[in-house]
Amino acid sequence: MDEAQGLCDSGPMPADVAPWRACGHVKWFDGTRGFGFVVGDRGEGDILLHFSALKDHGRRTLPEGTRVECEVVQRDRGLQTCRVLAFDLSTATGPDADLAARRSADRVDPAALAPDAGPFEAVRVKWFNQLKGYGFVMRPDDPQDIFIHMETVRRAGRAGLQPDQVLQARIAAGRKGPLVVEVGDAG
């Protein structure tokens, strides 16, 4: 039997073994271990889903409950996804680890912008939500919102902020607009 490099990354696949299309939902996926399982709609049982089958989509994981259309082959140890053709995240019931990682990578540490910040200046708290972990302040006579993160507030030794509270703040230009990098007492 001729051997050809298969669609799956787990080794060569016999040339006469053709993948077939299957649909189902992600039963679970462990991003640390790099694999999970899809439950097929036609009673195929568990289908191994390795993170390498997601690379064409720029992902390393899929959340539980995600609808998946994929190509599948029978391997020595069971069914395995060779290629994910499409998926629908709107059906997901679990957290999206890839989305969380992208959001985390997009965050800016305000302390890292401190060298570029201006001197302390007076600001007034527009609103602040401790549960969300952020809020906005404003300069006097300037309607532009200035972002303030909970970590900046904590570094100043404060537990939170109240609307209309007056503070001193150092402000720097962030990627999405101005943000507070340091908080001091109103002077």
Protein backbone atom coordinates (compact mmCIF):
# COMPACT_ATOMS: atom_id res chain seq x y z
CA MET A 1 0.00 0.00 0.00
CA ASP A 2 1.40 3.42 -0.92
CA GLU A 3 1.96 5.82 1.95
CA ALA A 4 1.33 9.54 1.49
CA GLN A 5 1.62 12.36 3.98
CA GLY A 6 -1.90 12.65 5.30
CA LEU A 7 -3.93 15.70 6.18
CA CYS A 8 -3.44 14.89 9.84
CA ASP A 9 -0.22 15.78 11.62
CA SER A 10 -0.01 12.44 13.45
CA GLY A 11 1.92 10.68 10.74
CA PRO A 12 1.49 9.24 7.27
CA MET A 13 -1.89 8.05 6.12
CA PRO A 14 -2.45 5.27 3.61
CA ALA A 15 -3.10 6.74 0.17
CA ASP A 16 -6.42 4.93 -0.15
CA VAL A 17 -7.87 6.43 3.05
CA ALA A 18 -9.96 9.43 2.14
CA PRO A 19 -11.22 11.92 4.70
CA TRP A 20 -14.95 12.51 4.94
CA ARG A 21 -16.95 15.50 6.09
CA ALA A 22 -18.49 15.55 9.55
CA CYS A 23 -20.39 18.11 11.57
CA GLY A 24 -20.77 18.32 15.32
CA HIS A 25 -20.00 20.39 18.39
CA VAL A 26 -16.93 20.75 20.58
CA LYS A 27 -17.37 18.51 23.63
CA TRP A 28 -14.28 19.96 25.34
CA PHE A 29 -10.92 21.41 24.41
CA ASP A 30 -7.86 21.69 26.64
CA GLY A 31 -5.70 24.52 25.33
CA THR A 32 -2.77 23.51 27.53
CA ARG A 33 -2.69 19.97 26.17
CA GLY A 34 -3.54 21.16 22.65
CA PHE A 35 -6.48 18.91 21.89
CA GLY A 36 -10.11 18.18 22.58
CA PHE A 37 -13.04 16.29 21.11
CA VAL A 38 -15.92 16.96 18.77
CA VAL A 39 -19.13 14.95 19.09
CA GLY A 40 -20.42 14.11 15.61
CA ASP A 41 -24.05 14.78 14.69
CA ARG A 42 -24.48 11.37 13.01
CA GLY A 43 -23.49 9.25 15.98
CA GLU A 44 -19.80 9.02 15.02
CA GLY A 45 -18.84 9.38 18.65
CA ASP A 46 -15.84 11.37 19.80
CA ILE A 47 -13.61 12.85 17.09
CA LEU A 48 -10.16 13.98 18.19
CA LEU A 49 -9.54 17.67 17.45
CA HIS A 50 -5.85 18.62 17.59
CA PHE A 51 -4.89 22.31 17.67
CA SER A 52 -2.95 21.87 14.40
CA ALA A 53 -6.28 21.41 12.59
CA LEU A 54 -7.18 24.98 13.60
CA LYS A 55 -4.04 26.74 12.36
CA ASP A 56 -5.61 27.70 9.00
CA HIS A 57 -8.11 29.74 11.03
CA GLY A 58 -5.47 31.46 13.18
CA ARG A 59 -6.65 29.69 16.33
CA ARG A 60 -5.21 27.26 18.86
CA THR A 61 -8.46 26.36 20.65
CA LEU A 62 -12.23 26.30 20.25
CA PRO A 63 -14.64 26.84 23.13
CA GLU A 64 -17.00 24.13 24.30
CA GLY A 65 -20.27 24.01 22.33
CA THR A 66 -18.83 25.50 19.13
CA ARG A 67 -20.41 24.04 15.98
CA VAL A 68 -17.73 22.55 13.74
CA GLU A 69 -17.63 21.29 10.18
CA CYS A 70 -14.49 19.27 9.53
CA GLU A 71 -12.77 16.56 7.54
CA VAL A 72 -12.28 13.34 9.48
CA VAL A 73 -10.27 10.14 9.03
CA GLN A 74 -10.21 6.84 10.88
CA ARG A 75 -6.84 6.40 12.59
CA ASP A 76 -5.49 3.49 14.66
CA ARG A 77 -6.75 5.09 17.86
CA GLY A 78 -10.09 6.36 16.54
CA LEU A 79 -11.54 9.22 14.55
CA GLN A 80 -9.43 12.34 14.07
CA THR A 81 -10.15 15.75 12.58
CA CYS A 82 -7.73 16.45 9.75
CA ARG A 83 -8.96 19.89 8.84
CA VAL A 84 -11.53 22.26 10.24
CA LEU A 85 -13.59 23.63 7.36
CA ALA A 86 -15.80 26.02 9.33
CA PHE A 87 -16.98 26.76 12.85
CA ASP A 88 -19.66 28.87 14.51
CA LEU A 89 -18.67 30.51 17.80
CA SER A 90 -22.23 31.79 18.41
CA THR A 91 -23.15 28.33 19.71
CA ALA A 92 -20.25 28.20 22.20
CA THR A 93 -21.17 27.62 25.83
CA GLY A 94 -17.67 27.92 27.27
CA PRO A 95 -15.07 30.68 27.40
CA ASP A 96 -13.04 31.48 24.29
CA ALA A 97 -9.39 31.09 25.35
CA ASP A 98 -8.08 32.47 22.04
CA LEU A 99 -10.17 35.63 22.38
CA ALA A 100 -9.04 36.08 25.98
CA ALA A 101 -5.40 35.74 24.92
CA ARG A 102 -5.83 38.31 22.14
CA ARG A 103 -7.50 40.77 24.51
CA SER A 104 -4.79 40.29 27.09
CA ALA A 105 -2.05 40.85 24.49
CA ASP A 106 -3.79 44.06 23.38
CA ARG A 107 -3.69 45.61 26.85
CA VAL A 108 -1.26 48.35 27.71
CA ASP A 109 0.41 48.62 31.10
CA PRO A 110 -0.19 52.28 32.06
CA ALA A 111 2.97 52.26 34.22
CA ALA A 112 5.03 51.55 31.08
CA LEU A 113 3.80 54.86 29.63
CA ALA A 114 4.78 56.90 32.72
CA PRO A 115 8.04 58.23 31.22
CA ASP A 116 6.00 59.84 28.40
CA ALA A 117 3.28 61.26 30.66
CA GLY A 118 2.85 64.93 31.43
CA PRO A 119 3.04 66.49 34.90
CA PHE A 120 0.30 66.04 37.49
CA GLU A 121 -2.84 67.97 36.62
CA ALA A 122 -6.34 68.30 38.07
CA VAL A 123 -9.00 65.87 36.82
CA ARG A 124 -12.55 64.99 37.87
CA VAL A 125 -13.91 61.43 37.98
CA LYS A 126 -16.69 61.06 35.41
CA TRP A 127 -17.49 57.48 36.44
CA PHE A 128 -15.64 54.47 37.81
CA ASN A 129 -16.81 50.85 38.09
CA GLN A 130 -14.76 48.66 40.43
CA LEU A 131 -16.33 45.45 39.09
CA LYS A 132 -15.38 46.31 35.51
CA GLY A 133 -12.00 47.54 36.70
CA TYR A 134 -11.95 50.88 34.91
CA GLY A 135 -13.56 54.25 34.49
CA PHE A 136 -13.04 57.71 33.02
CA VAL A 137 -11.85 61.07 34.27
CA MET A 138 -12.00 64.50 32.62
CA ARG A 139 -9.89 67.64 32.67
CA PRO A 140 -11.68 70.86 33.74
CA ASP A 141 -13.38 72.48 30.73
CA ASP A 142 -12.45 69.56 28.42
CA PRO A 143 -15.15 67.00 27.54
CA GLN A 144 -12.67 64.33 26.30
CA ASP A 145 -12.80 61.10 28.31
CA ILE A 146 -9.52 59.92 29.82
CA PHE A 147 -9.34 56.20 30.61
CA ILE A 148 -8.28 55.09 34.10
CA HIS A 149 -7.62 51.44 35.00
CA MET A 150 -8.18 49.87 38.43
CA GLU A 151 -4.50 48.89 38.67
CA THR A 152 -3.50 52.56 38.39
CA VAL A 153 -5.93 53.35 41.21
CA ARG A 154 -4.55 50.49 43.35
CA ARG A 155 -0.94 51.59 42.79
CA ALA A 156 -1.98 54.93 44.33
CA GLY A 157 -3.16 53.04 47.44
CA ARG A 158 -6.85 53.60 46.74
CA ALA A 159 -9.68 51.08 46.80
CA GLY A 160 -11.81 52.93 44.25
CA LEU A 161 -13.02 56.29 42.99
CA GLN A 162 -16.30 58.20 43.29
CA PRO A 163 -18.08 60.30 40.65
CA ASP A 164 -17.09 63.99 40.76
CA GLN A 165 -14.07 63.20 42.95
CA VAL A 166 -11.18 65.57 42.16
CA LEU A 167 -7.68 64.10 41.81
CA GLN A 168 -4.28 64.87 40.43
CA ALA A 169 -3.28 62.65 37.54
CA ARG A 170 -0.45 62.18 35.08
CA ILE A 171 -1.81 61.47 31.61
CA ALA A 172 -0.14 59.82 28.61
CA ALA A 173 -1.25 59.10 25.06
CA GLY A 174 -2.33 55.48 24.70
CA ARG A 175 -3.20 53.53 21.55
CA LYS A 176 -6.90 54.19 21.99
CA GLY A 177 -6.64 57.68 23.48
CA PRO A 178 -5.41 59.39 26.63
CA LEU A 179 -5.06 57.38 29.82
CA VAL A 180 -4.08 58.03 33.41
CA VAL A 181 -0.72 56.48 34.32
CA GLU A 182 -0.41 57.82 37.87
CA VAL A 183 -2.86 59.19 40.45
CA GLY A 184 -2.15 61.60 43.31
CA ASP A 185 -4.20 63.46 45.90
CA ALA A 186 -6.02 66.65 44.92
CA GLY A 187 -3.76 69.49 45.91
